[in-house]
Amino acid sequence: MKKFDVEIAVGIFVFFGILCLGYISVKLGKINLIGDHCYPVKAVFSTVKGLKKDTVVEISGVEVGKVKDIKLDNYEAVVTLLIRNGIELQEDAIASIRTKGLMGEKYVEIMPGGSDNVVQPGGTLRETEPPIDLEKLIGNFVFGKVKE
């Protein structure tokens, strides 16, 4: 009978250990099983060099969404952003592609506008700024094409 009690205790311990590992895997992997309550907004850029799917979208340094999809439409990059419910974007908000850190990780920054009209789910942000092409800037500087 005593051996049976030890086996049950070990079984319960292993079961909870596996549950904990599963929970940590989901949280660290940023896997969303339930689904965030987000709405899509599109932004059209001339170039999205370095931007990837599932990249962070920030307003004032606070994460408010992520990049859902990047497609080419009429030689322009159409980026679909998923913005959390409760965050309202004004029609004149500006979406910019910025660089985070020394490694050059790209993210989308939205600068709020002053309009009273908000972008509806599925709407489009009209004002965008493409990423700065650092290679081109350095090349222009090295070859003397930059005016002082």
C-alpha atoms as a PDB file:
ATOM      1  CA  MET A   1       0.000   0.000   0.000  1.00  0.00           C
ATOM      2  CA  LYS A   2       2.868   2.354   0.758  1.00  0.00           C
ATOM      3  CA  LYS A   3       4.369   1.893  -2.735  1.00  0.00           C
ATOM      4  CA  PHE A   4       0.984   2.809  -4.239  1.00  0.00           C
ATOM      5  CA  ASP A   5       0.945   6.135  -2.309  1.00  0.00           C
ATOM      6  CA  VAL A   6       4.422   7.064  -3.559  1.00  0.00           C
ATOM      7  CA  GLU A   7       3.442   6.289  -7.156  1.00  0.00           C
ATOM      8  CA  ILE A   8       0.347   8.491  -6.885  1.00  0.00           C
ATOM      9  CA  ALA A   9       2.395  11.350  -5.406  1.00  0.00           C
ATOM     10  CA  VAL A  10       4.988  11.080  -8.177  1.00  0.00           C
ATOM     11  CA  GLY A  11       2.253  10.942 -10.809  1.00  0.00           C
ATOM     12  CA  ILE A  12       0.596  14.093  -9.447  1.00  0.00           C
ATOM     13  CA  PHE A  13       3.988  15.834  -9.291  1.00  0.00           C
ATOM     14  CA  VAL A  14       4.806  14.914 -12.916  1.00  0.00           C
ATOM     15  CA  PHE A  15       1.325  15.983 -14.073  1.00  0.00           C
ATOM     16  CA  PHE A  16       1.661  19.457 -12.515  1.00  0.00           C
ATOM     17  CA  GLY A  17       5.209  19.729 -13.852  1.00  0.00           C
ATOM     18  CA  ILE A  18       3.982  19.104 -17.385  1.00  0.00           C
ATOM     19  CA  LEU A  19       1.183  21.658 -16.915  1.00  0.00           C
ATOM     20  CA  CYS A  20       3.724  24.246 -15.731  1.00  0.00           C
ATOM     21  CA  LEU A  21       6.014  23.567 -18.710  1.00  0.00           C
ATOM     22  CA  GLY A  22       3.084  23.932 -21.090  1.00  0.00           C
ATOM     23  CA  TYR A  23       2.063  27.244 -19.508  1.00  0.00           C
ATOM     24  CA  ILE A  24       5.617  28.617 -19.647  1.00  0.00           C
ATOM     25  CA  SER A  25       5.977  27.510 -23.282  1.00  0.00           C
ATOM     26  CA  VAL A  26       2.800  29.325 -24.281  1.00  0.00           C
ATOM     27  CA  LYS A  27       3.747  32.500 -22.407  1.00  0.00           C
ATOM     28  CA  LEU A  28       7.370  32.665 -23.585  1.00  0.00           C
ATOM     29  CA  GLY A  29       6.424  31.727 -27.137  1.00  0.00           C
ATOM     30  CA  LYS A  30       3.753  34.454 -27.132  1.00  0.00           C
ATOM     31  CA  ILE A  31       1.250  31.929 -28.452  1.00  0.00           C
ATOM     32  CA  ASN A  32      -2.288  33.149 -28.187  1.00  0.00           C
ATOM     33  CA  LEU A  33      -4.743  30.325 -27.569  1.00  0.00           C
ATOM     34  CA  ILE A  34      -7.782  32.377 -26.577  1.00  0.00           C
ATOM     35  CA  GLY A  35      -7.333  35.245 -29.023  1.00  0.00           C
ATOM     36  CA  ASP A  36      -6.738  38.919 -28.368  1.00  0.00           C
ATOM     37  CA  HIS A  37      -9.532  41.319 -28.986  1.00  0.00           C
ATOM     38  CA  CYS A  38      -8.026  43.353 -31.806  1.00  0.00           C
ATOM     39  CA  TYR A  39      -9.214  45.128 -34.907  1.00  0.00           C
ATOM     40  CA  PRO A  40      -7.352  45.430 -38.232  1.00  0.00           C
ATOM     41  CA  VAL A  41      -6.053  48.704 -39.661  1.00  0.00           C
ATOM     42  CA  LYS A  42      -4.082  49.037 -42.889  1.00  0.00           C
ATOM     43  CA  ALA A  43      -1.171  51.335 -43.662  1.00  0.00           C
ATOM     44  CA  VAL A  44       0.376  51.811 -47.105  1.00  0.00           C
ATOM     45  CA  PHE A  45       4.156  52.376 -47.285  1.00  0.00           C
ATOM     46  CA  SER A  46       6.458  52.996 -50.240  1.00  0.00           C
ATOM     47  CA  THR A  47       8.881  50.480 -48.674  1.00  0.00           C
ATOM     48  CA  VAL A  48       8.901  48.298 -45.569  1.00  0.00           C
ATOM     49  CA  LYS A  49      12.542  47.217 -45.738  1.00  0.00           C
ATOM     50  CA  GLY A  50      13.326  45.044 -42.694  1.00  0.00           C
ATOM     51  CA  LEU A  51       9.772  44.900 -41.291  1.00  0.00           C
ATOM     52  CA  LYS A  52       8.465  41.415 -40.524  1.00  0.00           C
ATOM     53  CA  LYS A  53       5.193  39.759 -39.603  1.00  0.00           C
ATOM     54  CA  ASP A  54       4.352  39.725 -35.844  1.00  0.00           C
ATOM     55  CA  THR A  55       6.456  42.851 -35.257  1.00  0.00           C
ATOM     56  CA  VAL A  56       5.409  45.164 -32.442  1.00  0.00           C
ATOM     57  CA  VAL A  57       3.203  48.239 -32.988  1.00  0.00           C
ATOM     58  CA  GLU A  58       3.745  50.989 -30.421  1.00  0.00           C
ATOM     59  CA  ILE A  59       2.215  54.296 -29.430  1.00  0.00           C
ATOM     60  CA  SER A  60       4.379  56.441 -27.113  1.00  0.00           C
ATOM     61  CA  GLY A  61       6.585  53.428 -26.397  1.00  0.00           C
ATOM     62  CA  VAL A  62       3.660  51.239 -25.284  1.00  0.00           C
ATOM     63  CA  GLU A  63       2.861  48.061 -27.225  1.00  0.00           C
ATOM     64  CA  VAL A  64      -0.663  48.361 -28.655  1.00  0.00           C
ATOM     65  CA  GLY A  65      -0.651  45.700 -31.345  1.00  0.00           C
ATOM     66  CA  LYS A  66       1.328  43.774 -33.916  1.00  0.00           C
ATOM     67  CA  VAL A  67       1.862  43.457 -37.651  1.00  0.00           C
ATOM     68  CA  LYS A  68      -0.501  40.818 -39.004  1.00  0.00           C
ATOM     69  CA  ASP A  69       0.383  40.787 -42.684  1.00  0.00           C
ATOM     70  CA  ILE A  70       2.534  42.491 -45.338  1.00  0.00           C
ATOM     71  CA  LYS A  71       1.456  42.406 -48.975  1.00  0.00           C
ATOM     72  CA  LEU A  72       2.427  44.084 -52.219  1.00  0.00           C
ATOM     73  CA  ASP A  73      -0.392  45.973 -53.938  1.00  0.00           C
ATOM     74  CA  ASN A  74       0.188  48.166 -56.975  1.00  0.00           C
ATOM     75  CA  TYR A  75       3.946  48.361 -56.166  1.00  0.00           C
ATOM     76  CA  GLU A  76       3.277  49.603 -52.648  1.00  0.00           C
ATOM     77  CA  ALA A  77       3.575  47.678 -49.395  1.00  0.00           C
ATOM     78  CA  VAL A  78       0.245  47.279 -47.608  1.00  0.00           C
ATOM     79  CA  VAL A  79       0.768  46.453 -43.935  1.00  0.00           C
ATOM     80  CA  THR A  80      -2.155  45.120 -41.897  1.00  0.00           C
ATOM     81  CA  LEU A  81      -1.873  46.051 -38.230  1.00  0.00           C
ATOM     82  CA  LEU A  82      -3.844  44.439 -35.414  1.00  0.00           C
ATOM     83  CA  ILE A  83      -4.635  47.102 -32.816  1.00  0.00           C
ATOM     84  CA  ARG A  84      -6.041  46.191 -29.397  1.00  0.00           C
ATOM     85  CA  ASN A  85      -9.653  47.138 -28.756  1.00  0.00           C
ATOM     86  CA  GLY A  86      -9.972  50.290 -26.694  1.00  0.00           C
ATOM     87  CA  ILE A  87      -7.165  52.029 -28.613  1.00  0.00           C
ATOM     88  CA  GLU A  88      -8.638  54.579 -31.003  1.00  0.00           C
ATOM     89  CA  LEU A  89      -6.520  55.877 -33.869  1.00  0.00           C
ATOM     90  CA  GLN A  90      -7.317  59.274 -35.340  1.00  0.00           C
ATOM     91  CA  GLU A  91      -7.604  59.619 -39.112  1.00  0.00           C
ATOM     92  CA  ASP A  92      -4.534  61.883 -39.207  1.00  0.00           C
ATOM     93  CA  ALA A  93      -2.325  59.558 -37.150  1.00  0.00           C
ATOM     94  CA  ILE A  94       1.099  58.866 -38.679  1.00  0.00           C
ATOM     95  CA  ALA A  95       2.463  55.312 -38.964  1.00  0.00           C
ATOM     96  CA  SER A  96       6.261  55.169 -39.123  1.00  0.00           C
ATOM     97  CA  ILE A  97       8.692  52.286 -39.395  1.00  0.00           C
ATOM     98  CA  ARG A  98      11.425  52.791 -36.807  1.00  0.00           C
ATOM     99  CA  THR A  99      14.547  50.956 -35.745  1.00  0.00           C
ATOM    100  CA  LYS A 100      14.939  49.610 -32.222  1.00  0.00           C
ATOM    101  CA  GLY A 101      18.393  49.025 -30.798  1.00  0.00           C
ATOM    102  CA  LEU A 102      21.768  48.582 -32.439  1.00  0.00           C
ATOM    103  CA  MET A 103      20.817  45.423 -34.311  1.00  0.00           C
ATOM    104  CA  GLY A 104      18.266  47.282 -36.400  1.00  0.00           C
ATOM    105  CA  GLU A 105      15.083  45.477 -35.351  1.00  0.00           C
ATOM    106  CA  LYS A 106      12.171  47.247 -37.029  1.00  0.00           C
ATOM    107  CA  TYR A 107       8.818  48.110 -35.465  1.00  0.00           C
ATOM    108  CA  VAL A 108       5.842  50.304 -36.325  1.00  0.00           C
ATOM    109  CA  GLU A 109       5.346  53.479 -34.327  1.00  0.00           C
ATOM    110  CA  ILE A 110       2.044  55.326 -34.518  1.00  0.00           C
ATOM    111  CA  MET A 111       2.040  59.008 -33.651  1.00  0.00           C
ATOM    112  CA  PRO A 112      -1.470  60.121 -32.651  1.00  0.00           C
ATOM    113  CA  GLY A 113      -3.180  62.843 -34.603  1.00  0.00           C
ATOM    114  CA  GLY A 114      -5.494  65.628 -33.520  1.00  0.00           C
ATOM    115  CA  SER A 115      -8.585  64.788 -35.552  1.00  0.00           C
ATOM    116  CA  ASP A 116     -11.925  64.028 -33.945  1.00  0.00           C
ATOM    117  CA  ASN A 117     -12.583  61.310 -36.521  1.00  0.00           C
ATOM    118  CA  VAL A 118     -11.239  57.838 -35.744  1.00  0.00           C
ATOM    119  CA  VAL A 119     -10.180  55.065 -38.107  1.00  0.00           C
ATOM    120  CA  GLN A 120     -12.815  52.355 -38.238  1.00  0.00           C
ATOM    121  CA  PRO A 121     -11.899  48.649 -38.085  1.00  0.00           C
ATOM    122  CA  GLY A 122     -10.583  47.684 -41.508  1.00  0.00           C
ATOM    123  CA  GLY A 123      -9.805  51.327 -42.295  1.00  0.00           C
ATOM    124  CA  THR A 124      -6.537  52.786 -43.569  1.00  0.00           C
ATOM    125  CA  LEU A 125      -3.998  55.158 -42.044  1.00  0.00           C
ATOM    126  CA  ARG A 126      -3.273  57.703 -44.757  1.00  0.00           C
ATOM    127  CA  GLU A 127      -0.082  59.231 -43.355  1.00  0.00           C
ATOM    128  CA  THR A 128       2.966  56.920 -43.334  1.00  0.00           C
ATOM    129  CA  GLU A 129       6.734  57.259 -43.150  1.00  0.00           C
ATOM    130  CA  PRO A 130       8.985  54.530 -44.611  1.00  0.00           C
ATOM    131  CA  PRO A 131      12.100  53.363 -42.730  1.00  0.00           C
ATOM    132  CA  ILE A 132      15.325  55.330 -43.049  1.00  0.00           C
ATOM    133  CA  ASP A 133      17.730  53.545 -45.387  1.00  0.00           C
ATOM    134  CA  LEU A 134      20.902  53.631 -43.309  1.00  0.00           C
ATOM    135  CA  GLU A 135      22.995  51.943 -46.017  1.00  0.00           C
ATOM    136  CA  LYS A 136      22.055  54.636 -48.513  1.00  0.00           C
ATOM    137  CA  LEU A 137      22.833  57.424 -46.036  1.00  0.00           C
ATOM    138  CA  ILE A 138      26.257  55.965 -45.227  1.00  0.00           C
ATOM    139  CA  GLY A 139      26.997  55.467 -48.928  1.00  0.00           C
ATOM    140  CA  ASN A 140      26.085  59.069 -49.700  1.00  0.00           C
ATOM    141  CA  PHE A 141      28.261  60.297 -46.832  1.00  0.00           C
ATOM    142  CA  VAL A 142      31.267  58.153 -47.829  1.00  0.00           C
ATOM    143  CA  PHE A 143      31.129  59.215 -51.471  1.00  0.00           C
ATOM    144  CA  GLY A 144      30.600  62.893 -50.649  1.00  0.00           C
ATOM    145  CA  LYS A 145      27.041  63.265 -51.871  1.00  0.00           C
ATOM    146  CA  VAL A 146      25.845  64.811 -48.595  1.00  0.00           C
ATOM    147  CA  LYS A 147      25.641  68.595 -48.576  1.00  0.00           C
ATOM    148  CA  GLU A 148      26.529  70.358 -45.355  1.00  0.00           C
END
